[in-house]
Amino acid sequence: IVPPIWNKPMHKGVYGKIWPIARKKYRDARAIVIVGYSLPSTDLPVRGLLAVDKGLRRVSDLELLVIANPDSRARSRLMEALAWRIEPKTRVVALDNFEELATILEGGVRGKSLRAAPPRSARKKNSA
């Protein structure tokens, strides 16, 4: 857990080690699940992380985005920050309580399965 502050020492200590990894994982992610994070205006490093490759299209296709937060404004901020990653085929699940997320994770409710499509490599192997 990284505190939502504007002056994280991004190039020192543990941040210097994990931030490049976080950027790569985010860029390569086909599914993103955000639970309880509000993307405050003071968290400039995370805002930058979410937008760093915007326009470069060097990112994986996002198949699933899940945002679970009881604060509708927080959900809206996250959706806005991630809008450039959302494509017509992206499944977006916005939940306003953690209980619904827990229910979905336990087996689904009202057809809201969080299962993303298998990786392309797996699809090719299965169809061969």
C-alpha atoms as a PDB file:
ATOM      1  CA  ILE A   1       0.000   0.000   0.000  1.00  0.00           C
ATOM      2  CA  VAL A   2       1.424   3.328  -1.077  1.00  0.00           C
ATOM      3  CA  PRO A   3       0.028   6.434   0.665  1.00  0.00           C
ATOM      4  CA  PRO A   4      -1.753   8.903  -1.650  1.00  0.00           C
ATOM      5  CA  ILE A   5       0.678  11.815  -1.313  1.00  0.00           C
ATOM      6  CA  TRP A   6       2.137  14.070  -4.000  1.00  0.00           C
ATOM      7  CA  ASN A   7       5.788  13.862  -2.961  1.00  0.00           C
ATOM      8  CA  LYS A   8       6.559  10.160  -3.035  1.00  0.00           C
ATOM      9  CA  PRO A   9      10.328   9.710  -3.493  1.00  0.00           C
ATOM     10  CA  MET A  10       9.779   7.939  -6.813  1.00  0.00           C
ATOM     11  CA  HIS A  11      13.446   7.432  -7.642  1.00  0.00           C
ATOM     12  CA  LYS A  12      14.695   6.386  -4.203  1.00  0.00           C
ATOM     13  CA  GLY A  13      14.484   3.369  -1.952  1.00  0.00           C
ATOM     14  CA  VAL A  14      11.583   0.986  -2.381  1.00  0.00           C
ATOM     15  CA  TYR A  15       9.725   3.349  -4.728  1.00  0.00           C
ATOM     16  CA  GLY A  16      12.646   3.374  -7.134  1.00  0.00           C
ATOM     17  CA  LYS A  17      12.441  -0.415  -7.296  1.00  0.00           C
ATOM     18  CA  ILE A  18       8.680  -0.941  -7.503  1.00  0.00           C
ATOM     19  CA  TRP A  19       7.519   1.998  -9.622  1.00  0.00           C
ATOM     20  CA  PRO A  20       9.082   0.778 -12.907  1.00  0.00           C
ATOM     21  CA  ILE A  21       7.591  -2.656 -12.223  1.00  0.00           C
ATOM     22  CA  ALA A  22       4.185  -1.107 -11.502  1.00  0.00           C
ATOM     23  CA  ARG A  23       4.328   0.823 -14.773  1.00  0.00           C
ATOM     24  CA  LYS A  24       5.103  -2.321 -16.776  1.00  0.00           C
ATOM     25  CA  LYS A  25       2.412  -4.363 -14.998  1.00  0.00           C
ATOM     26  CA  TYR A  26      -0.144  -1.600 -15.599  1.00  0.00           C
ATOM     27  CA  ARG A  27       0.835  -1.258 -19.259  1.00  0.00           C
ATOM     28  CA  ASP A  28       0.591  -5.044 -19.780  1.00  0.00           C
ATOM     29  CA  ALA A  29      -2.574  -5.564 -17.715  1.00  0.00           C
ATOM     30  CA  ARG A  30      -5.559  -7.088 -19.460  1.00  0.00           C
ATOM     31  CA  ALA A  31      -7.609  -6.837 -16.261  1.00  0.00           C
ATOM     32  CA  ILE A  32      -7.503  -4.089 -13.647  1.00  0.00           C
ATOM     33  CA  VAL A  33      -9.317  -4.345 -10.310  1.00  0.00           C
ATOM     34  CA  ILE A  34      -9.345  -1.285  -8.053  1.00  0.00           C
ATOM     35  CA  VAL A  35     -10.846  -1.710  -4.594  1.00  0.00           C
ATOM     36  CA  GLY A  36     -11.439   1.224  -2.264  1.00  0.00           C
ATOM     37  CA  TYR A  37      -8.980   3.627  -3.892  1.00  0.00           C
ATOM     38  CA  SER A  38     -10.246   7.153  -4.537  1.00  0.00           C
ATOM     39  CA  LEU A  39      -7.523   8.697  -6.758  1.00  0.00           C
ATOM     40  CA  PRO A  40      -7.234  11.912  -4.753  1.00  0.00           C
ATOM     41  CA  SER A  41      -5.950  15.024  -6.508  1.00  0.00           C
ATOM     42  CA  THR A  42      -2.846  14.942  -4.269  1.00  0.00           C
ATOM     43  CA  ASP A  43      -1.710  11.560  -5.586  1.00  0.00           C
ATOM     44  CA  LEU A  44       0.132  12.933  -8.598  1.00  0.00           C
ATOM     45  CA  PRO A  45       2.443   9.917  -9.034  1.00  0.00           C
ATOM     46  CA  VAL A  46      -0.493   7.513  -9.448  1.00  0.00           C
ATOM     47  CA  ARG A  47      -2.287   9.937 -11.754  1.00  0.00           C
ATOM     48  CA  GLY A  48       0.890  10.022 -13.824  1.00  0.00           C
ATOM     49  CA  LEU A  49       1.185   6.238 -13.762  1.00  0.00           C
ATOM     50  CA  LEU A  50      -2.368   5.853 -15.077  1.00  0.00           C
ATOM     51  CA  ALA A  51      -1.696   8.259 -17.952  1.00  0.00           C
ATOM     52  CA  VAL A  52       1.989   7.624 -18.696  1.00  0.00           C
ATOM     53  CA  ASP A  53       1.496   5.669 -21.917  1.00  0.00           C
ATOM     54  CA  LYS A  54      -1.630   7.517 -23.047  1.00  0.00           C
ATOM     55  CA  GLY A  55      -1.513   8.091 -26.757  1.00  0.00           C
ATOM     56  CA  LEU A  56       1.395   5.721 -27.329  1.00  0.00           C
ATOM     57  CA  ARG A  57      -0.865   2.679 -27.639  1.00  0.00           C
ATOM     58  CA  ARG A  58       1.912   0.480 -26.310  1.00  0.00           C
ATOM     59  CA  VAL A  59      -0.482  -1.069 -23.853  1.00  0.00           C
ATOM     60  CA  SER A  60      -2.284  -4.385 -23.796  1.00  0.00           C
ATOM     61  CA  ASP A  61      -5.955  -4.492 -24.691  1.00  0.00           C
ATOM     62  CA  LEU A  62      -7.940  -4.034 -21.494  1.00  0.00           C
ATOM     63  CA  GLU A  63     -10.563  -6.773 -21.266  1.00  0.00           C
ATOM     64  CA  LEU A  64     -11.834  -6.143 -17.734  1.00  0.00           C
ATOM     65  CA  LEU A  65     -12.011  -3.125 -15.437  1.00  0.00           C
ATOM     66  CA  VAL A  66     -13.514  -3.471 -11.971  1.00  0.00           C
ATOM     67  CA  ILE A  67     -13.872  -0.499  -9.639  1.00  0.00           C
ATOM     68  CA  ALA A  68     -15.352  -1.140  -6.198  1.00  0.00           C
ATOM     69  CA  ASN A  69     -15.853   1.955  -4.096  1.00  0.00           C
ATOM     70  CA  PRO A  70     -18.876   3.265  -2.190  1.00  0.00           C
ATOM     71  CA  ASP A  71     -17.953   6.836  -3.213  1.00  0.00           C
ATOM     72  CA  SER A  72     -19.505   7.553  -6.611  1.00  0.00           C
ATOM     73  CA  ARG A  73     -17.171  10.536  -7.133  1.00  0.00           C
ATOM     74  CA  ALA A  74     -14.148   8.289  -6.615  1.00  0.00           C
ATOM     75  CA  ARG A  75     -15.531   5.795  -9.140  1.00  0.00           C
ATOM     76  CA  SER A  76     -16.044   8.639 -11.618  1.00  0.00           C
ATOM     77  CA  ARG A  77     -12.482   9.941 -11.129  1.00  0.00           C
ATOM     78  CA  LEU A  78     -11.061   6.493 -11.777  1.00  0.00           C
ATOM     79  CA  MET A  79     -13.265   5.921 -14.818  1.00  0.00           C
ATOM     80  CA  GLU A  80     -12.163   9.279 -16.220  1.00  0.00           C
ATOM     81  CA  ALA A  81      -8.471   8.545 -15.584  1.00  0.00           C
ATOM     82  CA  LEU A  82      -8.773   5.122 -17.221  1.00  0.00           C
ATOM     83  CA  ALA A  83     -11.125   6.091 -20.063  1.00  0.00           C
ATOM     84  CA  TRP A  84      -8.311   5.982 -22.616  1.00  0.00           C
ATOM     85  CA  ARG A  85      -7.756   2.281 -21.792  1.00  0.00           C
ATOM     86  CA  ILE A  86     -11.435   1.364 -22.183  1.00  0.00           C
ATOM     87  CA  GLU A  87     -12.431  -0.011 -25.579  1.00  0.00           C
ATOM     88  CA  PRO A  88     -15.827  -1.209 -26.798  1.00  0.00           C
ATOM     89  CA  LYS A  89     -14.915  -4.793 -25.879  1.00  0.00           C
ATOM     90  CA  THR A  90     -13.732  -3.888 -22.356  1.00  0.00           C
ATOM     91  CA  ARG A  91     -16.025  -5.232 -19.675  1.00  0.00           C
ATOM     92  CA  VAL A  92     -16.502  -2.517 -17.035  1.00  0.00           C
ATOM     93  CA  VAL A  93     -17.943  -3.424 -13.635  1.00  0.00           C
ATOM     94  CA  ALA A  94     -18.530  -0.532 -11.216  1.00  0.00           C
ATOM     95  CA  LEU A  95     -19.634  -1.572  -7.759  1.00  0.00           C
ATOM     96  CA  ASP A  96     -20.808   0.717  -4.998  1.00  0.00           C
ATOM     97  CA  ASN A  97     -20.182  -1.663  -2.129  1.00  0.00           C
ATOM     98  CA  PHE A  98     -17.598  -4.214  -1.137  1.00  0.00           C
ATOM     99  CA  GLU A  99     -20.194  -6.840  -0.270  1.00  0.00           C
ATOM    100  CA  GLU A 100     -21.214  -7.086  -3.924  1.00  0.00           C
ATOM    101  CA  LEU A 101     -17.568  -7.492  -4.895  1.00  0.00           C
ATOM    102  CA  ALA A 102     -17.180 -10.268  -2.325  1.00  0.00           C
ATOM    103  CA  THR A 103     -20.288 -12.005  -3.670  1.00  0.00           C
ATOM    104  CA  ILE A 104     -18.992 -11.789  -7.238  1.00  0.00           C
ATOM    105  CA  LEU A 105     -15.617 -13.126  -6.203  1.00  0.00           C
ATOM    106  CA  GLU A 106     -17.338 -16.010  -4.425  1.00  0.00           C
ATOM    107  CA  GLY A 107     -19.144 -17.102  -7.571  1.00  0.00           C
ATOM    108  CA  GLY A 108     -21.029 -14.339  -9.300  1.00  0.00           C
ATOM    109  CA  VAL A 109     -24.275 -12.491  -8.910  1.00  0.00           C
ATOM    110  CA  ARG A 110     -26.764 -11.261 -11.522  1.00  0.00           C
ATOM    111  CA  GLY A 111     -24.482 -12.355 -14.353  1.00  0.00           C
ATOM    112  CA  LYS A 112     -21.567 -10.163 -13.258  1.00  0.00           C
ATOM    113  CA  SER A 113     -18.818 -12.712 -13.547  1.00  0.00           C
ATOM    114  CA  LEU A 114     -15.346 -11.191 -13.332  1.00  0.00           C
ATOM    115  CA  ARG A 115     -13.888 -13.801 -15.635  1.00  0.00           C
ATOM    116  CA  ALA A 116     -11.925 -12.284 -18.485  1.00  0.00           C
ATOM    117  CA  ALA A 117     -11.328 -14.059 -21.759  1.00  0.00           C
ATOM    118  CA  PRO A 118      -8.348 -16.443 -21.835  1.00  0.00           C
ATOM    119  CA  PRO A 119      -5.050 -15.005 -23.082  1.00  0.00           C
ATOM    120  CA  ARG A 120      -4.657 -14.936 -26.856  1.00  0.00           C
ATOM    121  CA  SER A 121      -1.912 -17.553 -26.676  1.00  0.00           C
ATOM    122  CA  ALA A 122      -4.261 -19.930 -24.840  1.00  0.00           C
ATOM    123  CA  ARG A 123      -7.025 -19.280 -27.360  1.00  0.00           C
ATOM    124  CA  LYS A 124      -4.726 -20.188 -30.235  1.00  0.00           C
ATOM    125  CA  LYS A 125      -3.640 -23.427 -28.543  1.00  0.00           C
ATOM    126  CA  ASN A 126      -7.236 -24.433 -27.781  1.00  0.00           C
ATOM    127  CA  SER A 127      -8.443 -23.778 -31.327  1.00  0.00           C
ATOM    128  CA  ALA A 128      -5.605 -25.712 -32.962  1.00  0.00           C
END
